[in-house]
Amino acid sequence: MADFKVTPWEVEGKIDYEKLVKEFGTKRMDARLKAKLEKLAGGSHVFLRRNFFFSHRDLDLVLKDYESGKGFFLYTGRSPAGAMTLAHLISFLFTKWLQEKFKVNAYLQIPDEEKFLFKQKLSWEEVQERTKEDIAHIAALGFDENRTFLFQNSEYVKNFYPVLMKTAKKINFSNAKAIFGFNEQSNIGMMFYPALQIVPTFFEKKRCLIPCGIDQDNYWRPQRDIAESLGFYKTAAIHSAFFPPLTGPEGKMSSSIAESAIFLSDDEKTVANKINKYAFSGGQATVEEHRRLGGNPDIDVAFQWLYILFEDDDRKIEKIREQYMSGKMLTGELKQILIEKINAFLKEHNRKKEKAGKIVEKMKYSGKLAKEMWGRTI
């Protein structure tokens, strides 16, 4: 993959998703599997209709387990570092939808050691402050409080310490080095961290389904090698493509590059300024040329954001596409539609976030699933 780079920590270049699927050994979501998922869910999701979640591992087995009555459970998470962006919501939004449709438990991991270990200039105290903010944003999304357990590794590790040790013992250094690229500059905490990511896949004696970006797939490869020897199922996953940065269709949005991202804390003026200034355009150089030649929605970031996340109505998005390609709609008009959509979304999201205290308490400690998890050792 010399022309692009995809690791759990870096995504660069123009991604060839066909090549990535082959390289990672995952499977494309074909029409039959997607139709079965939507049928069992009793509905569709924009991420499925628009093929944004496009790859999987053993999703067919998850659906077979569900049909047979065995069930499954969900797991995803967020590693606190920079402020949360729109891109960070993708896996949580889809996990929430799956939970609603299938009435299953969801485990939301906050691995508050990862960025401390991997980003040398980030202090433990800074990570903990960021963790509080991230948890409030996640709680505002509306997960089922009694079917959700949201946990920080630093708080909960004593409860899963036994299975953590069994997991770590099964993964040798050569395997970890081959998967994650560790070298002599890697600290031993970085090498141990993948075991912490694997442990939640063992929280139930059912198959675990992980909605995540495909760049995170590496973490589950060692799990699939060792799970059955520990008496658990190999984990399954459903992978999303990358939410493009403002600056162009290549790579992915990053909280460390402010001009590439819309943060959940951005105010209305900031959102408008960023999109007008940085959003990569598929339009022509002049109004006259655009009216004559039209724009290219496939590379236009404003259109792509609407298509992926902010315009659920299929007829409306196709009308916008047609108007932009024909030249009837200008780039500035397209950007204005997106600005209004994002600001409306962030206004409602942050209203819920400000009232999320009781929800956080239930998801972490007092909800039905949370009480059960604190009451046992894994």
Protein backbone atom coordinates (compact mmCIF):
# COMPACT_ATOMS: atom_id res chain seq x y z
CA MET A 1 0.00 0.00 0.00
CA ALA A 2 2.80 2.39 -0.96
CA ASP A 3 0.38 5.03 -2.29
CA PHE A 4 -1.51 5.37 0.99
CA LYS A 5 -1.06 4.51 4.68
CA VAL A 6 -3.62 3.08 7.10
CA THR A 7 -2.73 2.18 10.71
CA PRO A 8 -4.64 2.61 14.00
CA TRP A 9 -2.71 5.89 14.45
CA GLU A 10 -2.20 7.30 10.96
CA VAL A 11 -4.26 7.56 7.77
CA GLU A 12 -2.66 9.24 4.78
CA GLY A 13 -3.21 9.52 1.05
CA LYS A 14 -6.02 8.58 -1.32
CA ILE A 15 -7.48 5.37 0.08
CA ASP A 16 -8.06 2.48 -2.29
CA TYR A 17 -10.72 0.62 -0.32
CA GLU A 18 -10.67 -2.44 -2.57
CA LYS A 19 -6.95 -2.80 -2.00
CA LEU A 20 -7.40 -2.16 1.72
CA VAL A 21 -10.01 -4.91 2.07
CA LYS A 22 -7.66 -7.38 0.37
CA GLU A 23 -4.67 -6.25 2.44
CA PHE A 24 -6.58 -6.53 5.75
CA GLY A 25 -8.34 -9.74 4.78
CA THR A 26 -11.84 -8.43 5.50
CA LYS A 27 -14.93 -8.86 3.32
CA ARG A 28 -17.00 -6.35 1.40
CA MET A 29 -20.59 -5.83 2.53
CA ASP A 30 -22.49 -7.32 -0.38
CA ALA A 31 -26.11 -6.51 -1.23
CA ARG A 32 -27.45 -9.78 0.19
CA LEU A 33 -25.80 -9.34 3.59
CA LYS A 34 -26.85 -5.71 3.82
CA ALA A 35 -30.43 -6.63 2.93
CA LYS A 36 -30.46 -9.29 5.64
CA LEU A 37 -29.14 -6.84 8.23
CA GLU A 38 -31.78 -4.28 7.30
CA LYS A 39 -34.54 -6.90 7.32
CA LEU A 40 -33.63 -8.15 10.80
CA ALA A 41 -33.22 -4.58 12.03
CA GLY A 42 -36.63 -3.62 10.65
CA GLY A 43 -35.21 -0.60 8.88
CA SER A 44 -32.24 0.98 7.17
CA HIS A 45 -29.60 3.49 8.17
CA VAL A 46 -28.04 6.16 6.02
CA PHE A 47 -24.59 4.65 6.67
CA LEU A 48 -25.78 1.39 5.08
CA ARG A 49 -27.78 2.90 2.23
CA ARG A 50 -24.84 5.08 1.21
CA ASN A 51 -22.30 2.22 1.67
CA PHE A 52 -20.31 4.15 4.28
CA PHE A 53 -20.08 1.01 6.40
CA PHE A 54 -18.66 -1.18 3.67
CA SER A 55 -16.53 -3.98 5.13
CA HIS A 56 -16.94 -6.65 7.80
CA ARG A 57 -15.62 -9.66 9.61
CA ASP A 58 -18.19 -12.38 10.40
CA LEU A 59 -21.24 -10.12 10.30
CA ASP A 60 -23.03 -13.03 8.65
CA LEU A 61 -22.34 -15.16 11.74
CA VAL A 62 -23.61 -12.39 14.04
CA LEU A 63 -26.91 -12.26 12.15
CA LYS A 64 -27.14 -16.06 12.17
CA ASP A 65 -26.65 -16.03 15.95
CA TYR A 66 -29.37 -13.41 16.30
CA GLU A 67 -31.82 -15.43 14.21
CA SER A 68 -31.13 -18.57 16.25
CA GLY A 69 -31.75 -16.78 19.54
CA LYS A 70 -28.13 -16.77 20.73
CA GLY A 71 -27.91 -13.01 20.38
CA PHE A 72 -24.81 -10.83 20.28
CA PHE A 73 -23.41 -7.72 21.92
CA LEU A 74 -21.83 -4.46 20.77
CA TYR A 75 -18.52 -2.84 21.63
CA THR A 76 -16.87 0.38 20.49
CA GLY A 77 -14.99 3.24 22.10
CA ARG A 78 -13.06 6.46 22.00
CA SER A 79 -9.50 7.23 23.11
CA PRO A 80 -9.39 10.73 24.65
CA ALA A 81 -6.79 13.16 23.32
CA GLY A 82 -7.79 16.14 21.20
CA ALA A 83 -11.30 17.57 21.30
CA MET A 84 -13.99 15.39 19.75
CA THR A 85 -14.89 16.04 16.12
CA LEU A 86 -17.84 15.08 13.95
CA ALA A 87 -15.84 12.10 12.69
CA HIS A 88 -15.56 10.68 16.21
CA LEU A 89 -19.34 10.28 16.35
CA ILE A 90 -19.62 7.88 13.42
CA SER A 91 -19.03 4.58 15.25
CA PHE A 92 -21.11 5.69 18.24
CA LEU A 93 -24.07 6.74 16.09
CA PHE A 94 -24.11 3.43 14.26
CA THR A 95 -23.64 1.44 17.49
CA LYS A 96 -26.60 3.30 19.00
CA TRP A 97 -28.76 2.46 15.95
CA LEU A 98 -27.81 -1.23 16.16
CA GLN A 99 -28.60 -1.25 19.88
CA GLU A 100 -32.03 0.31 19.26
CA LYS A 101 -32.90 -2.11 16.47
CA PHE A 102 -31.63 -5.34 18.02
CA LYS A 103 -32.16 -4.52 21.74
CA VAL A 104 -28.67 -5.68 22.72
CA ASN A 105 -26.05 -4.57 25.23
CA ALA A 106 -23.41 -2.04 24.21
CA TYR A 107 -20.03 -1.65 25.92
CA LEU A 108 -18.38 1.72 25.36
CA GLN A 109 -14.70 1.71 26.29
CA ILE A 110 -12.79 4.87 27.18
CA PRO A 111 -9.16 3.69 27.00
CA ASP A 112 -7.71 6.61 28.93
CA GLU A 113 -4.21 5.15 28.82
CA GLU A 114 -3.78 4.94 25.04
CA LYS A 115 -2.98 8.52 24.08
CA PHE A 116 -0.90 8.94 27.26
CA LEU A 117 1.25 6.02 26.10
CA PHE A 118 1.37 6.88 22.40
CA LYS A 119 1.62 10.70 22.54
CA GLN A 120 4.72 11.53 24.54
CA LYS A 121 3.80 15.17 25.29
CA LEU A 122 0.35 14.40 26.71
CA SER A 123 0.18 14.21 30.51
CA TRP A 124 -2.02 11.83 32.49
CA GLU A 125 -3.90 14.80 33.97
CA GLU A 126 -4.63 16.24 30.52
CA VAL A 127 -6.04 12.90 29.39
CA GLN A 128 -8.35 12.71 32.40
CA GLU A 129 -9.72 16.20 31.77
CA ARG A 130 -10.39 15.31 28.14
CA THR A 131 -12.03 12.05 29.25
CA LYS A 132 -14.71 13.90 31.25
CA GLU A 133 -15.63 16.02 28.24
CA ASP A 134 -15.70 13.06 25.86
CA ILE A 135 -17.93 11.03 28.15
CA ALA A 136 -20.47 13.86 28.26
CA HIS A 137 -20.50 14.04 24.45
CA ILE A 138 -21.04 10.28 24.18
CA ALA A 139 -23.81 10.27 26.77
CA ALA A 140 -25.62 13.00 24.81
CA LEU A 141 -26.13 10.62 21.87
CA GLY A 142 -28.96 8.77 23.60
CA PHE A 143 -27.86 5.19 24.23
CA ASP A 144 -30.19 2.91 26.19
CA GLU A 145 -29.03 3.64 29.73
CA ASN A 146 -29.88 0.16 31.03
CA ARG A 147 -28.30 -1.72 28.13
CA THR A 148 -25.11 0.36 28.02
CA PHE A 149 -21.94 0.19 30.11
CA LEU A 150 -19.56 3.11 29.58
CA PHE A 151 -16.26 2.58 31.36
CA GLN A 152 -12.80 4.04 31.71
CA ASN A 153 -10.02 1.46 31.69
CA SER A 154 -8.22 3.14 34.59
CA GLU A 155 -11.34 2.78 36.78
CA TYR A 156 -12.51 -0.65 35.72
CA VAL A 157 -9.26 -2.56 35.13
CA LYS A 158 -9.40 -4.35 38.49
CA ASN A 159 -12.67 -6.03 37.45
CA PHE A 160 -11.26 -7.44 34.21
CA TYR A 161 -7.70 -8.02 35.42
CA PRO A 162 -7.92 -11.85 35.36
CA VAL A 163 -9.02 -12.06 31.72
CA LEU A 164 -6.58 -9.26 30.85
CA MET A 165 -3.70 -11.39 32.13
CA LYS A 166 -4.95 -14.45 30.23
CA THR A 167 -5.21 -12.35 27.09
CA ALA A 168 -1.79 -10.75 27.43
CA LYS A 169 -0.14 -14.12 28.03
CA LYS A 170 -1.50 -15.43 24.71
CA ILE A 171 0.00 -12.64 22.55
CA ASN A 172 3.74 -12.90 21.92
CA PHE A 173 5.98 -10.00 20.96
CA SER A 174 6.68 -11.15 17.40
CA ASN A 175 2.95 -11.26 16.66
CA ALA A 176 2.35 -7.82 18.18
CA LYS A 177 5.33 -6.40 16.30
CA ALA A 178 4.10 -7.80 12.99
CA ILE A 179 0.58 -6.38 13.47
CA PHE A 180 1.37 -3.01 15.07
CA GLY A 181 4.90 -2.24 13.88
CA PHE A 182 6.43 -1.88 17.33
CA ASN A 183 10.18 -1.20 17.40
CA GLU A 184 12.99 -0.36 19.81
CA GLN A 185 11.49 3.13 20.33
CA SER A 186 8.14 1.72 21.52
CA ASN A 187 7.60 1.81 25.27
CA ILE A 188 6.38 -1.37 26.95
CA GLY A 189 3.03 0.25 27.73
CA MET A 190 2.35 0.60 24.01
CA MET A 191 3.07 -3.09 23.54
CA PHE A 192 0.70 -4.07 26.36
CA TYR A 193 -2.11 -1.75 25.28
CA PRO A 194 -3.64 -4.03 22.57
CA ALA A 195 -4.55 -6.54 25.29
CA LEU A 196 -6.65 -3.85 26.96
CA GLN A 197 -8.50 -3.27 23.69
CA ILE A 198 -9.27 -6.97 23.35
CA VAL A 199 -10.70 -7.59 26.82
CA PRO A 200 -14.22 -6.11 26.27
CA THR A 201 -14.80 -8.66 23.50
CA PHE A 202 -14.90 -11.21 26.35
CA PHE A 203 -17.55 -9.42 28.46
CA GLU A 204 -20.27 -11.86 27.34
CA LYS A 205 -20.33 -15.47 26.16
CA LYS A 206 -21.78 -14.32 22.85
CA ARG A 207 -20.30 -13.03 19.64
CA CYS A 208 -19.13 -9.44 19.88
CA LEU A 209 -19.81 -7.02 17.02
CA ILE A 210 -17.55 -3.97 16.79
CA PRO A 211 -18.61 -0.98 14.65
CA CYS A 212 -15.41 0.97 13.93
CA GLY A 213 -13.30 2.67 11.31
CA ILE A 214 -11.39 0.16 9.23
CA ASP A 215 -8.11 1.64 10.50
CA GLN A 216 -8.87 0.08 13.90
CA ASP A 217 -9.16 -3.46 12.50
CA ASN A 218 -5.60 -4.38 13.57
CA TYR A 219 -6.64 -4.51 17.20
CA TRP A 220 -8.99 -7.43 16.63
CA ARG A 221 -6.65 -9.66 14.64
CA PRO A 222 -4.87 -11.06 17.72
CA GLN A 223 -8.27 -11.48 19.41
CA ARG A 224 -9.43 -13.74 16.58
CA ASP A 225 -6.26 -15.82 17.01
CA ILE A 226 -6.72 -16.43 20.74
CA ALA A 227 -10.45 -16.11 21.52
CA GLU A 228 -11.47 -19.74 21.08
CA SER A 229 -8.54 -21.01 23.18
CA LEU A 230 -9.92 -18.86 26.02
CA GLY A 231 -13.47 -20.16 25.56
CA PHE A 232 -14.91 -17.16 23.68
CA TYR A 233 -16.08 -16.35 20.16
CA LYS A 234 -13.90 -14.68 17.59
CA THR A 235 -15.01 -11.08 17.48
CA ALA A 236 -16.90 -9.71 14.50
CA ALA A 237 -16.65 -6.22 13.08
CA ILE A 238 -18.37 -3.86 10.67
CA HIS A 239 -16.08 -1.19 9.26
CA SER A 240 -16.71 2.34 8.09
CA ALA A 241 -14.79 4.29 5.50
CA PHE A 242 -13.05 7.49 6.60
CA PHE A 243 -14.95 10.72 7.18
CA PRO A 244 -13.08 13.13 4.90
CA PRO A 245 -11.28 16.18 6.28
CA LEU A 246 -12.43 19.64 5.29
CA THR A 247 -9.25 20.13 3.30
CA GLY A 248 -9.91 17.43 0.71
CA PRO A 249 -11.16 13.93 -0.06
CA GLU A 250 -7.91 12.20 0.97
CA GLY A 251 -7.03 10.92 4.45
CA LYS A 252 -9.41 11.46 7.36
CA MET A 253 -10.51 14.23 9.68
CA SER A 254 -8.03 14.77 12.52
CA SER A 255 -8.46 16.65 15.78
CA SER A 256 -4.76 17.53 15.65
CA ILE A 257 -5.27 19.53 12.42
CA ALA A 258 -7.79 22.24 13.28
CA GLU A 259 -8.46 23.31 9.70
CA SER A 260 -9.41 19.73 8.77
CA ALA A 261 -12.11 19.33 11.39
CA ILE A 262 -15.34 20.59 12.87
CA PHE A 263 -15.20 20.10 16.63
CA LEU A 264 -18.32 19.38 18.67
CA SER A 265 -17.53 22.52 20.68
CA ASP A 266 -17.33 24.84 17.63
CA ASP A 267 -19.82 27.74 17.69
CA GLU A 268 -21.95 28.80 14.72
CA LYS A 269 -19.53 31.45 13.51
CA THR A 270 -16.55 29.10 13.70
CA VAL A 271 -18.43 26.41 11.75
CA ALA A 272 -19.33 28.89 9.01
CA ASN A 273 -15.82 30.31 8.81
CA LYS A 274 -14.16 26.88 8.62
CA ILE A 275 -16.46 25.53 5.95
CA ASN A 276 -16.32 28.67 3.81
CA LYS A 277 -12.53 28.89 4.11
CA TYR A 278 -11.35 25.28 4.14
CA ALA A 279 -14.01 22.98 2.66
CA PHE A 280 -12.51 21.55 -0.52
CA SER A 281 -14.67 22.38 -3.51
CA GLY A 282 -15.60 20.32 -6.52
CA GLY A 283 -16.78 23.45 -8.29
CA GLN A 284 -15.23 25.45 -11.11
CA ALA A 285 -12.93 28.46 -10.82
CA THR A 286 -15.58 31.02 -11.81
CA VAL A 287 -19.36 31.28 -11.57
CA GLU A 288 -19.61 31.35 -15.35
CA GLU A 289 -17.58 28.14 -15.74
CA HIS A 290 -19.54 26.45 -12.97
CA ARG A 291 -22.89 27.32 -14.57
CA ARG A 292 -21.60 25.88 -17.85
CA LEU A 293 -19.62 22.82 -16.65
CA GLY A 294 -21.13 22.05 -13.25
CA GLY A 295 -19.38 20.70 -10.15
CA ASN A 296 -17.99 17.32 -9.12
CA PRO A 297 -19.79 16.04 -5.97
CA ASP A 298 -17.43 13.06 -5.70
CA ILE A 299 -14.58 15.30 -4.55
CA ASP A 300 -16.59 18.13 -2.99
CA VAL A 301 -16.29 17.87 0.80
CA ALA A 302 -19.50 19.78 1.54
CA PHE A 303 -21.47 17.34 -0.60
CA GLN A 304 -19.68 14.33 0.88
CA TRP A 305 -20.50 15.42 4.43
CA LEU A 306 -24.15 15.89 3.51
CA TYR A 307 -24.16 12.50 1.78
CA ILE A 308 -22.53 10.64 4.68
CA LEU A 309 -24.11 12.27 7.71
CA PHE A 310 -26.24 15.37 7.33
CA GLU A 311 -28.91 14.64 4.70
CA ASP A 312 -30.79 11.45 5.43
CA ASP A 313 -33.45 11.95 2.75
CA ASP A 314 -32.35 10.08 -0.38
CA ARG A 315 -34.48 12.17 -2.73
CA LYS A 316 -33.12 15.44 -1.32
CA ILE A 317 -29.49 14.39 -1.56
CA GLU A 318 -29.93 13.22 -5.14
CA LYS A 319 -31.59 16.53 -6.03
CA ILE A 320 -28.64 18.38 -4.53
CA ARG A 321 -26.27 16.16 -6.51
CA GLU A 322 -28.12 16.83 -9.78
CA GLN A 323 -28.27 20.60 -9.19
CA TYR A 324 -24.58 20.79 -8.33
CA MET A 325 -23.49 18.66 -11.30
CA SER A 326 -25.67 20.70 -13.68
CA GLY A 327 -24.32 24.02 -12.42
CA LYS A 328 -27.66 25.19 -11.04
CA MET A 329 -26.24 25.11 -7.51
CA LEU A 330 -23.01 26.98 -6.75
CA THR A 331 -20.33 25.87 -4.28
CA GLY A 332 -21.26 28.69 -1.90
CA GLU A 333 -24.89 27.58 -1.89
CA LEU A 334 -23.87 23.98 -1.21
CA LYS A 335 -21.65 25.08 1.66
CA GLN A 336 -24.49 27.14 3.13
CA ILE A 337 -26.75 24.09 3.22
CA LEU A 338 -24.07 22.19 5.11
CA ILE A 339 -23.40 25.07 7.54
CA GLU A 340 -27.07 25.22 8.49
CA LYS A 341 -27.27 21.44 8.94
CA ILE A 342 -24.15 21.26 11.12
CA ASN A 343 -25.11 24.21 13.30
CA ALA A 344 -28.58 22.78 13.91
CA PHE A 345 -27.05 19.42 14.81
CA LEU A 346 -24.44 20.90 17.16
CA LYS A 347 -26.97 23.16 18.87
CA GLU A 348 -29.18 20.19 19.75
CA HIS A 349 -26.24 17.94 20.61
CA ASN A 350 -24.71 20.43 23.03
CA ARG A 351 -28.10 21.13 24.63
CA LYS A 352 -28.28 17.40 25.44
CA LYS A 353 -24.64 17.33 26.54
CA GLU A 354 -25.29 20.01 29.18
CA LYS A 355 -27.98 17.77 30.69
CA ALA A 356 -26.00 14.53 30.42
CA GLY A 357 -24.86 14.25 34.05
CA LYS A 358 -27.54 11.79 35.17
CA ILE A 359 -27.15 9.77 31.98
CA VAL A 360 -23.40 9.46 32.54
CA GLU A 361 -24.00 8.25 36.08
CA LYS A 362 -26.42 5.55 34.88
CA MET A 363 -24.26 4.39 31.97
CA LYS A 364 -21.16 4.21 34.18
CA TYR A 365 -22.49 3.05 37.55
CA SER A 366 -26.21 2.78 38.34
CA GLY A 367 -27.93 1.49 35.20
CA LYS A 368 -28.91 -2.16 35.00
CA LEU A 369 -25.94 -3.29 32.89
CA ALA A 370 -23.48 -1.05 34.74
CA LYS A 371 -24.50 -2.51 38.11
CA GLU A 372 -24.10 -6.01 36.73
CA MET A 373 -20.62 -5.27 35.43
CA TRP A 374 -19.37 -3.66 38.62
CA GLY A 375 -20.77 -6.62 40.53
CA ARG A 376 -18.57 -9.24 38.89
CA THR A 377 -15.00 -9.99 38.00
CA ILE A 378 -14.35 -10.93 34.38
